[in-house]
Amino acid sequence: PKPGKGTATSTQMLRSIYLSFPLKTQNKIGQALAIPPTKAGGTTSNMKTVPLSSSPEGKTNIVEKEFKNGSYYKGEWSKGQPNGEGMLISCVGFVYQGRFLNGKFHGYGDKQMPNGVLYKGYWNNGQMEGKAKLTFPDGDIYLGSFKDNKFEGEGIRRFPNGDMYRGQYNDGYQHGYGIFISMEEGWKY
């Protein structure tokens, strides 16, 4: 679930995790999110799997891991893969911070894509599923339900020009009952 009252916000958690990374990794994150490079601080270790702590039972470790493909992970690790809270910086440019189950996004998490699209919501077995907010770089916003990485069920979509659709979606498309409001032309359908 999302952080509750008295707990760190996603932004605070991301900043804390970001600043704990070595300089080389901070600059990788910066490139993915268009943040200027860090000029001082950090380290340049080779970042193989490094246990940072473990649970009292010894089942879950907090690790830093750089994969052969260049992706980087920092977070909870068990059964040889991400399990629990973590952050993944992908070699293809996205950054994910949230829950993992058996190496897949599962539960609440935020995913920043390299094209500027931001997904904040729930995941099921690596798929966008459940309530979420999807924000596009042009200002287009979708608030609603997802299933199998597509808009599904109730949702609201606000377009950059102010137009809005509120209603049903099926398989990623407007389908069923809904209301479209044109702000530019002043009509409702």
N, C-alpha and C. Protein backbone atom coordinates (compact mmCIF):
# COMPACT_ATOMS: atom_id res chain seq x y z
N PRO A 1 0.81 -1.20 0.00
CA PRO A 1 0.00 0.00 0.00
C PRO A 1 0.85 1.25 0.00
N LYS A 2 0.19 2.37 -0.32
CA LYS A 2 0.88 3.65 -0.33
C LYS A 2 1.29 4.02 1.09
N PRO A 3 2.32 4.88 1.21
CA PRO A 3 2.74 5.30 2.56
C PRO A 3 1.59 5.99 3.29
N GLY A 4 1.43 5.70 4.57
CA GLY A 4 0.36 6.29 5.36
C GLY A 4 0.87 7.50 6.13
N LYS A 5 0.00 8.02 6.98
CA LYS A 5 0.34 9.19 7.78
C LYS A 5 1.53 8.88 8.68
N GLY A 6 2.50 9.78 8.70
CA GLY A 6 3.67 9.60 9.55
C GLY A 6 4.78 8.79 8.92
N THR A 7 4.59 8.35 7.66
CA THR A 7 5.65 7.60 6.98
C THR A 7 6.19 8.45 5.85
N ALA A 8 7.34 8.06 5.34
CA ALA A 8 7.97 8.81 4.26
C ALA A 8 7.13 8.72 2.99
N THR A 9 7.08 9.81 2.23
CA THR A 9 6.37 9.81 0.96
C THR A 9 7.24 9.10 -0.08
N SER A 10 6.63 8.75 -1.21
CA SER A 10 7.38 8.11 -2.29
C SER A 10 8.54 8.99 -2.72
N THR A 11 8.30 10.30 -2.82
CA THR A 11 9.35 11.22 -3.24
C THR A 11 10.50 11.23 -2.25
N GLN A 12 10.19 11.26 -0.96
CA GLN A 12 11.23 11.25 0.06
C GLN A 12 12.01 9.95 0.02
N MET A 13 11.30 8.83 -0.17
CA MET A 13 11.97 7.54 -0.25
C MET A 13 12.88 7.47 -1.48
N LEU A 14 12.37 7.95 -2.62
CA LEU A 14 13.17 7.94 -3.84
C LEU A 14 14.42 8.79 -3.69
N ARG A 15 14.27 9.99 -3.10
CA ARG A 15 15.42 10.87 -2.91
C ARG A 15 16.45 10.23 -1.99
N SER A 16 15.98 9.62 -0.90
CA SER A 16 16.88 8.97 0.03
C SER A 16 17.64 7.83 -0.65
N ILE A 17 16.91 7.02 -1.42
CA ILE A 17 17.56 5.91 -2.13
C ILE A 17 18.53 6.46 -3.17
N TYR A 18 18.10 7.47 -3.92
CA TYR A 18 18.93 8.08 -4.97
C TYR A 18 20.26 8.57 -4.39
N LEU A 19 20.21 9.28 -3.27
CA LEU A 19 21.42 9.85 -2.68
C LEU A 19 22.33 8.77 -2.07
N SER A 20 21.77 7.59 -1.80
CA SER A 20 22.60 6.52 -1.25
C SER A 20 23.37 5.76 -2.33
N PHE A 21 23.03 5.99 -3.60
CA PHE A 21 23.72 5.30 -4.69
C PHE A 21 25.09 5.92 -4.94
N PRO A 22 26.01 5.12 -5.47
CA PRO A 22 27.30 5.65 -5.88
C PRO A 22 27.12 6.69 -7.00
N LEU A 23 28.09 7.57 -7.17
CA LEU A 23 28.04 8.64 -8.16
C LEU A 23 27.70 8.11 -9.55
N LYS A 24 28.35 7.03 -9.96
CA LYS A 24 28.12 6.45 -11.29
C LYS A 24 26.64 6.12 -11.49
N THR A 25 26.02 5.55 -10.47
CA THR A 25 24.61 5.18 -10.55
C THR A 25 23.72 6.41 -10.50
N GLN A 26 24.05 7.40 -9.67
CA GLN A 26 23.27 8.64 -9.64
C GLN A 26 23.23 9.26 -11.03
N ASN A 27 24.35 9.23 -11.73
CA ASN A 27 24.39 9.80 -13.08
C ASN A 27 23.56 8.98 -14.06
N LYS A 28 23.50 7.64 -13.90
CA LYS A 28 22.63 6.80 -14.74
C LYS A 28 21.17 7.17 -14.51
N ILE A 29 20.79 7.33 -13.24
CA ILE A 29 19.42 7.73 -12.92
C ILE A 29 19.14 9.10 -13.52
N GLY A 30 20.09 9.99 -13.37
CA GLY A 30 19.94 11.35 -13.91
C GLY A 30 19.71 11.34 -15.41
N GLN A 31 20.43 10.49 -16.13
CA GLN A 31 20.24 10.41 -17.58
C GLN A 31 18.83 9.91 -17.90
N ALA A 32 18.36 8.92 -17.16
CA ALA A 32 17.03 8.36 -17.41
C ALA A 32 15.94 9.38 -17.10
N LEU A 33 16.16 10.23 -16.09
CA LEU A 33 15.15 11.19 -15.68
C LEU A 33 15.48 12.63 -16.07
N ALA A 34 16.51 12.83 -16.87
CA ALA A 34 16.94 14.16 -17.32
C ALA A 34 17.33 15.06 -16.15
N ILE A 35 18.07 14.51 -15.18
CA ILE A 35 18.62 15.27 -14.04
C ILE A 35 20.08 15.56 -14.37
N PRO A 36 20.56 16.78 -14.15
CA PRO A 36 21.97 17.07 -14.44
C PRO A 36 22.90 16.14 -13.66
N PRO A 37 24.06 15.77 -14.26
CA PRO A 37 25.00 14.85 -13.60
C PRO A 37 25.51 15.40 -12.27
N THR A 38 25.76 14.48 -11.33
CA THR A 38 26.36 14.83 -10.05
C THR A 38 27.85 15.03 -10.27
N LYS A 39 28.42 16.12 -9.73
CA LYS A 39 29.82 16.42 -9.98
C LYS A 39 30.73 15.99 -8.84
N ALA A 40 30.17 15.81 -7.65
CA ALA A 40 31.02 15.44 -6.51
C ALA A 40 30.31 14.42 -5.65
N GLY A 41 31.10 13.67 -4.89
CA GLY A 41 30.54 12.68 -3.98
C GLY A 41 30.36 11.35 -4.65
N GLY A 42 29.90 10.37 -3.89
CA GLY A 42 29.65 9.05 -4.45
C GLY A 42 30.92 8.25 -4.62
N THR A 43 30.75 7.01 -5.10
CA THR A 43 31.89 6.14 -5.37
C THR A 43 31.69 5.49 -6.72
N THR A 44 32.69 4.79 -7.18
CA THR A 44 32.59 4.13 -8.48
C THR A 44 32.93 2.65 -8.35
N SER A 45 32.37 1.98 -7.33
CA SER A 45 32.63 0.55 -7.16
C SER A 45 31.97 -0.24 -8.29
N ASN A 46 32.38 -1.50 -8.47
CA ASN A 46 31.82 -2.30 -9.55
C ASN A 46 30.41 -2.80 -9.26
N MET A 47 29.91 -2.63 -8.07
CA MET A 47 28.54 -2.90 -7.66
C MET A 47 28.04 -4.29 -8.01
N LYS A 48 28.78 -5.32 -7.73
CA LYS A 48 28.22 -6.67 -7.81
C LYS A 48 27.24 -6.80 -6.66
N THR A 49 26.65 -7.96 -6.45
CA THR A 49 25.71 -8.11 -5.34
C THR A 49 26.44 -7.84 -4.04
N VAL A 50 25.95 -6.86 -3.31
CA VAL A 50 26.57 -6.47 -2.05
C VAL A 50 25.50 -6.51 -0.98
N PRO A 51 25.53 -7.51 -0.06
CA PRO A 51 24.54 -7.53 1.02
C PRO A 51 24.76 -6.32 1.92
N LEU A 52 23.71 -5.55 2.15
CA LEU A 52 23.81 -4.38 3.02
C LEU A 52 23.27 -4.68 4.40
N SER A 53 22.31 -5.60 4.50
CA SER A 53 21.77 -6.04 5.78
C SER A 53 20.94 -7.28 5.54
N SER A 54 20.53 -7.93 6.62
CA SER A 54 19.65 -9.09 6.47
C SER A 54 18.66 -9.11 7.61
N SER A 55 17.56 -9.84 7.38
CA SER A 55 16.54 -9.96 8.42
C SER A 55 17.06 -10.87 9.52
N PRO A 56 16.44 -10.82 10.71
CA PRO A 56 16.88 -11.69 11.79
C PRO A 56 16.83 -13.17 11.40
N GLU A 57 15.88 -13.54 10.55
CA GLU A 57 15.77 -14.94 10.12
C GLU A 57 16.79 -15.25 9.03
N GLY A 58 17.42 -14.22 8.47
CA GLY A 58 18.40 -14.43 7.41
C GLY A 58 17.78 -14.74 6.06
N LYS A 59 16.48 -14.53 5.91
CA LYS A 59 15.81 -14.87 4.66
C LYS A 59 15.79 -13.74 3.65
N THR A 60 15.75 -12.50 4.12
CA THR A 60 15.68 -11.35 3.23
C THR A 60 16.89 -10.46 3.46
N ASN A 61 17.61 -10.17 2.39
CA ASN A 61 18.74 -9.25 2.45
C ASN A 61 18.38 -7.97 1.74
N ILE A 62 19.04 -6.90 2.14
CA ILE A 62 18.99 -5.65 1.39
C ILE A 62 20.29 -5.64 0.59
N VAL A 63 20.18 -5.58 -0.73
CA VAL A 63 21.37 -5.68 -1.58
C VAL A 63 21.42 -4.57 -2.62
N GLU A 64 22.63 -4.39 -3.17
CA GLU A 64 22.84 -3.62 -4.38
C GLU A 64 23.32 -4.63 -5.41
N LYS A 65 22.77 -4.57 -6.61
CA LYS A 65 23.16 -5.53 -7.63
C LYS A 65 23.16 -4.87 -8.99
N GLU A 66 24.27 -5.04 -9.72
CA GLU A 66 24.32 -4.62 -11.11
C GLU A 66 24.26 -5.88 -11.95
N PHE A 67 23.26 -5.95 -12.84
CA PHE A 67 23.08 -7.12 -13.69
C PHE A 67 23.99 -7.03 -14.90
N LYS A 68 24.22 -8.17 -15.56
CA LYS A 68 25.10 -8.22 -16.72
C LYS A 68 24.64 -7.29 -17.83
N ASN A 69 23.34 -7.06 -17.96
CA ASN A 69 22.82 -6.19 -19.03
C ASN A 69 22.95 -4.70 -18.70
N GLY A 70 23.46 -4.36 -17.50
CA GLY A 70 23.63 -2.96 -17.11
C GLY A 70 22.54 -2.43 -16.21
N SER A 71 21.47 -3.18 -15.99
CA SER A 71 20.42 -2.75 -15.07
C SER A 71 20.96 -2.79 -13.65
N TYR A 72 20.38 -1.98 -12.77
CA TYR A 72 20.86 -1.86 -11.40
C TYR A 72 19.68 -1.99 -10.44
N TYR A 73 19.86 -2.75 -9.36
CA TYR A 73 18.81 -2.95 -8.37
C TYR A 73 19.35 -2.69 -6.98
N LYS A 74 18.52 -2.05 -6.16
CA LYS A 74 18.85 -1.89 -4.75
C LYS A 74 17.56 -2.09 -3.97
N GLY A 75 17.59 -3.05 -3.03
CA GLY A 75 16.40 -3.30 -2.24
C GLY A 75 16.40 -4.67 -1.62
N GLU A 76 15.21 -5.12 -1.23
CA GLU A 76 15.07 -6.42 -0.58
C GLU A 76 15.26 -7.53 -1.61
N TRP A 77 15.93 -8.59 -1.16
CA TRP A 77 16.33 -9.68 -2.06
C TRP A 77 16.17 -11.00 -1.31
N SER A 78 15.44 -11.93 -1.89
CA SER A 78 15.36 -13.28 -1.33
C SER A 78 15.05 -14.26 -2.45
N LYS A 79 15.40 -15.51 -2.24
CA LYS A 79 15.19 -16.57 -3.24
C LYS A 79 15.88 -16.24 -4.56
N GLY A 80 17.01 -15.50 -4.49
CA GLY A 80 17.78 -15.20 -5.69
C GLY A 80 17.19 -14.14 -6.60
N GLN A 81 16.26 -13.32 -6.08
CA GLN A 81 15.63 -12.29 -6.91
C GLN A 81 15.00 -11.20 -6.04
N PRO A 82 14.59 -10.07 -6.66
CA PRO A 82 13.92 -9.02 -5.89
C PRO A 82 12.61 -9.52 -5.28
N ASN A 83 12.47 -9.33 -3.99
CA ASN A 83 11.24 -9.66 -3.25
C ASN A 83 11.10 -8.64 -2.13
N GLY A 84 10.04 -7.84 -2.16
CA GLY A 84 9.83 -6.78 -1.19
C GLY A 84 10.06 -5.42 -1.83
N GLU A 85 10.43 -4.43 -1.01
CA GLU A 85 10.65 -3.06 -1.50
C GLU A 85 11.98 -2.97 -2.23
N GLY A 86 11.99 -2.24 -3.35
CA GLY A 86 13.24 -2.04 -4.05
C GLY A 86 13.13 -1.00 -5.14
N MET A 87 14.27 -0.73 -5.75
CA MET A 87 14.36 0.21 -6.86
C MET A 87 15.17 -0.43 -7.97
N LEU A 88 14.62 -0.39 -9.19
CA LEU A 88 15.29 -0.95 -10.35
C LEU A 88 15.52 0.16 -11.36
N ILE A 89 16.78 0.31 -11.77
CA ILE A 89 17.13 1.23 -12.85
C ILE A 89 17.46 0.34 -14.04
N SER A 90 16.59 0.35 -15.02
CA SER A 90 16.72 -0.56 -16.15
C SER A 90 17.72 -0.06 -17.17
N CYS A 91 18.38 -1.00 -17.83
CA CYS A 91 19.32 -0.65 -18.90
C CYS A 91 18.60 -0.01 -20.08
N VAL A 92 17.28 -0.18 -20.18
CA VAL A 92 16.52 0.44 -21.28
C VAL A 92 15.97 1.81 -20.90
N GLY A 93 16.27 2.27 -19.67
CA GLY A 93 15.98 3.65 -19.32
C GLY A 93 14.86 3.91 -18.34
N PHE A 94 14.07 2.92 -17.95
CA PHE A 94 13.03 3.21 -16.97
C PHE A 94 13.56 3.04 -15.56
N VAL A 95 12.88 3.72 -14.60
CA VAL A 95 13.21 3.59 -13.19
C VAL A 95 11.94 3.17 -12.47
N TYR A 96 12.00 2.08 -11.71
CA TYR A 96 10.85 1.58 -10.95
C TYR A 96 11.22 1.57 -9.48
N GLN A 97 10.30 2.08 -8.65
CA GLN A 97 10.48 2.05 -7.21
C GLN A 97 9.19 1.55 -6.61
N GLY A 98 9.26 0.41 -5.92
CA GLY A 98 8.05 -0.14 -5.32
C GLY A 98 8.24 -1.56 -4.87
N ARG A 99 7.16 -2.31 -4.88
CA ARG A 99 7.15 -3.69 -4.40
C ARG A 99 7.48 -4.67 -5.53
N PHE A 100 8.17 -5.74 -5.17
CA PHE A 100 8.49 -6.84 -6.07
C PHE A 100 8.01 -8.14 -5.45
N LEU A 101 7.64 -9.09 -6.29
CA LEU A 101 7.34 -10.45 -5.85
C LEU A 101 7.90 -11.40 -6.89
N ASN A 102 8.82 -12.25 -6.46
CA ASN A 102 9.47 -13.20 -7.37
C ASN A 102 10.08 -12.52 -8.59
N GLY A 103 10.70 -11.37 -8.37
CA GLY A 103 11.40 -10.66 -9.44
C GLY A 103 10.53 -9.79 -10.33
N LYS A 104 9.22 -9.74 -10.06
CA LYS A 104 8.31 -8.94 -10.90
C LYS A 104 7.68 -7.83 -10.08
N PHE A 105 7.29 -6.73 -10.76
CA PHE A 105 6.58 -5.65 -10.09
C PHE A 105 5.27 -6.22 -9.56
N HIS A 106 5.01 -6.00 -8.27
CA HIS A 106 3.80 -6.57 -7.67
C HIS A 106 3.44 -5.77 -6.43
N GLY A 107 2.23 -5.23 -6.39
CA GLY A 107 1.82 -4.33 -5.32
C GLY A 107 1.96 -2.90 -5.81
N TYR A 108 2.10 -1.96 -4.89
CA TYR A 108 2.18 -0.55 -5.29
C TYR A 108 3.59 -0.19 -5.74
N GLY A 109 3.66 0.57 -6.86
CA GLY A 109 4.96 1.03 -7.35
C GLY A 109 4.84 2.14 -8.37
N ASP A 110 5.90 2.91 -8.49
CA ASP A 110 5.99 4.00 -9.46
C ASP A 110 6.99 3.62 -10.54
N LYS A 111 6.62 3.84 -11.81
CA LYS A 111 7.53 3.55 -12.91
C LYS A 111 7.63 4.78 -13.80
N GLN A 112 8.85 5.33 -13.89
CA GLN A 112 9.14 6.47 -14.76
C GLN A 112 9.76 5.93 -16.03
N MET A 113 9.07 6.13 -17.17
CA MET A 113 9.58 5.65 -18.44
C MET A 113 10.54 6.67 -19.04
N PRO A 114 11.44 6.23 -19.93
CA PRO A 114 12.40 7.17 -20.52
C PRO A 114 11.75 8.24 -21.38
N ASN A 115 10.54 7.99 -21.88
CA ASN A 115 9.84 8.99 -22.70
C ASN A 115 9.07 10.01 -21.87
N GLY A 116 9.20 9.94 -20.54
CA GLY A 116 8.56 10.91 -19.66
C GLY A 116 7.23 10.46 -19.09
N VAL A 117 6.70 9.32 -19.52
CA VAL A 117 5.44 8.80 -18.98
C VAL A 117 5.69 8.29 -17.56
N LEU A 118 4.78 8.62 -16.64
CA LEU A 118 4.90 8.20 -15.25
C LEU A 118 3.66 7.42 -14.84
N TYR A 119 3.86 6.19 -14.36
CA TYR A 119 2.78 5.35 -13.85
C TYR A 119 2.94 5.25 -12.35
N LYS A 120 1.86 5.59 -11.62
CA LYS A 120 1.86 5.48 -10.15
C LYS A 120 0.63 4.66 -9.79
N GLY A 121 0.87 3.42 -9.38
CA GLY A 121 -0.28 2.60 -9.05
C GLY A 121 0.09 1.16 -8.76
N TYR A 122 -0.88 0.30 -8.97
CA TYR A 122 -0.74 -1.10 -8.58
C TYR A 122 -0.33 -1.99 -9.75
N TRP A 123 0.41 -3.04 -9.38
CA TRP A 123 0.94 -4.03 -10.32
C TRP A 123 0.53 -5.42 -9.85
N ASN A 124 0.37 -6.32 -10.82
CA ASN A 124 0.09 -7.71 -10.51
C ASN A 124 0.93 -8.58 -11.43
N ASN A 125 1.89 -9.28 -10.85
CA ASN A 125 2.74 -10.19 -11.62
C ASN A 125 3.40 -9.50 -12.82
N GLY A 126 3.89 -8.28 -12.61
CA GLY A 126 4.59 -7.55 -13.67
C GLY A 126 3.70 -6.73 -14.59
N GLN A 127 2.38 -6.80 -14.39
CA GLN A 127 1.44 -6.09 -15.27
C GLN A 127 0.78 -4.93 -14.50
N MET A 128 0.53 -3.81 -15.21
CA MET A 128 -0.23 -2.72 -14.60
C MET A 128 -1.65 -3.25 -14.39
N GLU A 129 -2.08 -3.27 -13.12
CA GLU A 129 -3.40 -3.81 -12.82
C GLU A 129 -3.91 -3.22 -11.52
N GLY A 130 -5.11 -2.64 -11.58
CA GLY A 130 -5.72 -2.01 -10.41
C GLY A 130 -5.76 -0.50 -10.61
N LYS A 131 -6.01 0.22 -9.54
CA LYS A 131 -6.13 1.68 -9.58
C LYS A 131 -4.77 2.33 -9.78
N ALA A 132 -4.76 3.37 -10.62
CA ALA A 132 -3.48 4.04 -10.91
C ALA A 132 -3.71 5.40 -11.55
N LYS A 133 -2.60 6.14 -11.64
CA LYS A 133 -2.56 7.42 -12.35
C LYS A 133 -1.43 7.31 -13.37
N LEU A 134 -1.75 7.63 -14.61
CA LEU A 134 -0.78 7.61 -15.69
C LEU A 134 -0.68 9.03 -16.23
N THR A 135 0.52 9.61 -16.17
CA THR A 135 0.75 10.98 -16.61
C THR A 135 1.69 10.97 -17.80
N PHE A 136 1.29 11.69 -18.87
CA PHE A 136 2.09 11.77 -20.09
C PHE A 136 2.81 13.12 -20.11
N PRO A 137 3.95 13.22 -20.81
CA PRO A 137 4.71 14.47 -20.83
C PRO A 137 3.94 15.66 -21.41
N ASP A 138 2.97 15.41 -22.29
CA ASP A 138 2.20 16.51 -22.89
C ASP A 138 1.10 17.03 -21.98
N GLY A 139 0.93 16.42 -20.78
CA GLY A 139 -0.10 16.86 -19.84
C GLY A 139 -1.33 15.97 -19.82
N ASP A 140 -1.42 15.02 -20.71
CA ASP A 140 -2.52 14.05 -20.73
C ASP A 140 -2.43 13.21 -19.45
N ILE A 141 -3.58 13.00 -18.78
CA ILE A 141 -3.60 12.24 -17.53
C ILE A 141 -4.75 11.24 -17.57
N TYR A 142 -4.49 10.02 -17.13
CA TYR A 142 -5.53 9.02 -16.96
C TYR A 142 -5.55 8.61 -15.50
N LEU A 143 -6.74 8.65 -14.89
CA LEU A 143 -6.96 8.19 -13.52
C LEU A 143 -8.00 7.10 -13.58
N GLY A 144 -7.65 5.90 -13.16
CA GLY A 144 -8.64 4.84 -13.20
C GLY A 144 -8.03 3.47 -13.06
N SER A 145 -8.73 2.50 -13.61
CA SER A 145 -8.33 1.10 -13.47
C SER A 145 -7.56 0.61 -14.69
N PHE A 146 -6.67 -0.34 -14.42
CA PHE A 146 -5.88 -1.02 -15.45
C PHE A 146 -6.07 -2.52 -15.30
N LYS A 147 -5.91 -3.22 -16.41
CA LYS A 147 -5.83 -4.68 -16.41
C LYS A 147 -4.97 -5.07 -17.60
N ASP A 148 -3.98 -5.94 -17.37
CA ASP A 148 -3.07 -6.38 -18.42
C ASP A 148 -2.44 -5.21 -19.17
N ASN A 149 -2.01 -4.19 -18.42
CA ASN A 149 -1.32 -3.01 -18.98
C ASN A 149 -2.22 -2.12 -19.83
N LYS A 150 -3.54 -2.23 -19.72
CA LYS A 150 -4.46 -1.42 -20.52
C LYS A 150 -5.52 -0.78 -19.63
N PHE A 151 -6.07 0.35 -20.10
CA PHE A 151 -7.20 0.97 -19.40
C PHE A 151 -8.33 -0.05 -19.38
N GLU A 152 -8.95 -0.22 -18.20
CA GLU A 152 -10.03 -1.22 -18.08
C GLU A 152 -10.96 -0.82 -16.95
N GLY A 153 -12.28 -0.79 -17.21
CA GLY A 153 -13.25 -0.43 -16.19
C GLY A 153 -13.45 1.07 -16.16
N GLU A 154 -13.70 1.62 -14.97
CA GLU A 154 -13.94 3.06 -14.80
C GLU A 154 -12.66 3.87 -14.92
N GLY A 155 -12.75 5.01 -15.61
CA GLY A 155 -11.59 5.87 -15.70
C GLY A 155 -11.94 7.27 -16.14
N ILE A 156 -11.03 8.19 -15.87
CA ILE A 156 -11.15 9.59 -16.29
C ILE A 156 -9.89 9.93 -17.06
N ARG A 157 -10.06 10.50 -18.22
CA ARG A 157 -8.90 10.93 -19.01
C ARG A 157 -9.04 12.41 -19.31
N ARG A 158 -8.02 13.16 -18.89
CA ARG A 158 -7.97 14.60 -19.15
C ARG A 158 -6.89 14.85 -20.19
N PHE A 159 -7.29 15.51 -21.25
CA PHE A 159 -6.39 15.78 -22.37
C PHE A 159 -5.72 17.14 -22.18
N PRO A 160 -4.57 17.37 -22.81
CA PRO A 160 -3.84 18.63 -22.63
C PRO A 160 -4.66 19.88 -22.97
N ASN A 161 -5.60 19.79 -23.89
CA ASN A 161 -6.41 20.96 -24.27
C ASN A 161 -7.57 21.20 -23.31
N GLY A 162 -7.71 20.37 -22.27
CA GLY A 162 -8.77 20.54 -21.29
C GLY A 162 -9.96 19.62 -21.49
N ASP A 163 -10.06 18.97 -22.65
CA ASP A 163 -11.13 18.01 -22.88
C ASP A 163 -11.03 16.89 -21.86
N MET A 164 -12.19 16.24 -21.61
CA MET A 164 -12.20 15.18 -20.61
C MET A 164 -13.19 14.09 -21.01
N TYR A 165 -12.80 12.85 -20.75
CA TYR A 165 -13.71 11.71 -20.90
C TYR A 165 -13.79 11.01 -19.56
N ARG A 166 -15.02 10.75 -19.12
CA ARG A 166 -15.24 9.99 -17.88
C ARG A 166 -16.20 8.87 -18.20
N GLY A 167 -15.74 7.64 -17.97
CA GLY A 167 -16.62 6.52 -18.27
C GLY A 167 -15.91 5.20 -18.29
N GLN A 168 -16.48 4.30 -19.07
CA GLN A 168 -16.00 2.91 -19.14
C GLN A 168 -14.91 2.74 -20.19
N TYR A 169 -13.98 1.84 -19.88
CA TYR A 169 -12.94 1.43 -20.82
C TYR A 169 -12.95 -0.09 -20.90
N ASN A 170 -12.61 -0.59 -22.08
CA ASN A 170 -12.49 -2.03 -22.28
C ASN A 170 -11.30 -2.27 -23.20
N ASP A 171 -10.36 -3.07 -22.73
CA ASP A 171 -9.19 -3.44 -23.53
C ASP A 171 -8.41 -2.22 -24.03
N GLY A 172 -8.39 -1.15 -23.21
CA GLY A 172 -7.62 0.05 -23.55
C GLY A 172 -8.38 1.13 -24.28
N TYR A 173 -9.64 0.87 -24.64
CA TYR A 173 -10.42 1.84 -25.42
C TYR A 173 -11.67 2.27 -24.68
N GLN A 174 -12.14 3.50 -24.99
CA GLN A 174 -13.42 3.96 -24.46
C GLN A 174 -14.49 3.01 -24.98
N HIS A 175 -15.31 2.50 -24.05
CA HIS A 175 -16.29 1.50 -24.44
C HIS A 175 -17.40 1.47 -23.39
N GLY A 176 -18.64 1.53 -23.83
CA GLY A 176 -19.76 1.51 -22.90
C GLY A 176 -20.15 2.92 -22.53
N TYR A 177 -20.76 3.06 -21.35
CA TYR A 177 -21.25 4.36 -20.91
C TYR A 177 -20.09 5.30 -20.61
N GLY A 178 -20.23 6.56 -21.07
CA GLY A 178 -19.23 7.57 -20.77
C GLY A 178 -19.69 8.94 -21.21
N ILE A 179 -19.03 9.95 -20.69
CA ILE A 179 -19.33 11.34 -21.04
C ILE A 179 -18.04 11.99 -21.53
N PHE A 180 -18.12 12.63 -22.69
CA PHE A 180 -16.98 13.37 -23.23
C PHE A 180 -17.34 14.84 -23.19
N ILE A 181 -16.46 15.65 -22.62
CA ILE A 181 -16.68 17.10 -22.53
C ILE A 181 -15.59 17.80 -23.31
N SER A 182 -16.01 18.62 -24.28
CA SER A 182 -15.07 19.39 -25.07
C SER A 182 -14.99 20.79 -24.46
N MET A 183 -13.84 21.13 -23.92
CA MET A 183 -13.65 22.45 -23.33
C MET A 183 -13.50 23.51 -24.41
N GLU A 184 -12.85 23.16 -25.52
CA GLU A 184 -12.62 24.12 -26.61
C GLU A 184 -13.92 24.50 -27.29
N GLU A 185 -14.80 23.52 -27.52
CA GLU A 185 -16.02 23.77 -28.27
C GLU A 185 -17.24 23.92 -27.38
N GLY A 186 -17.10 23.62 -26.07
CA GLY A 186 -18.16 23.85 -25.11
C GLY A 186 -19.34 22.89 -25.18
N TRP A 187 -19.12 21.68 -25.62
CA TRP A 187 -20.22 20.71 -25.66
C TRP A 187 -19.91 19.47 -24.84
N LYS A 188 -21.00 18.76 -24.53
CA LYS A 188 -20.90 17.52 -23.75
C LYS A 188 -21.62 16.44 -24.54
N TYR A 189 -21.02 15.25 -24.60
CA TYR A 189 -21.64 14.14 -25.31
C TYR A 189 -21.63 12.91 -24.45
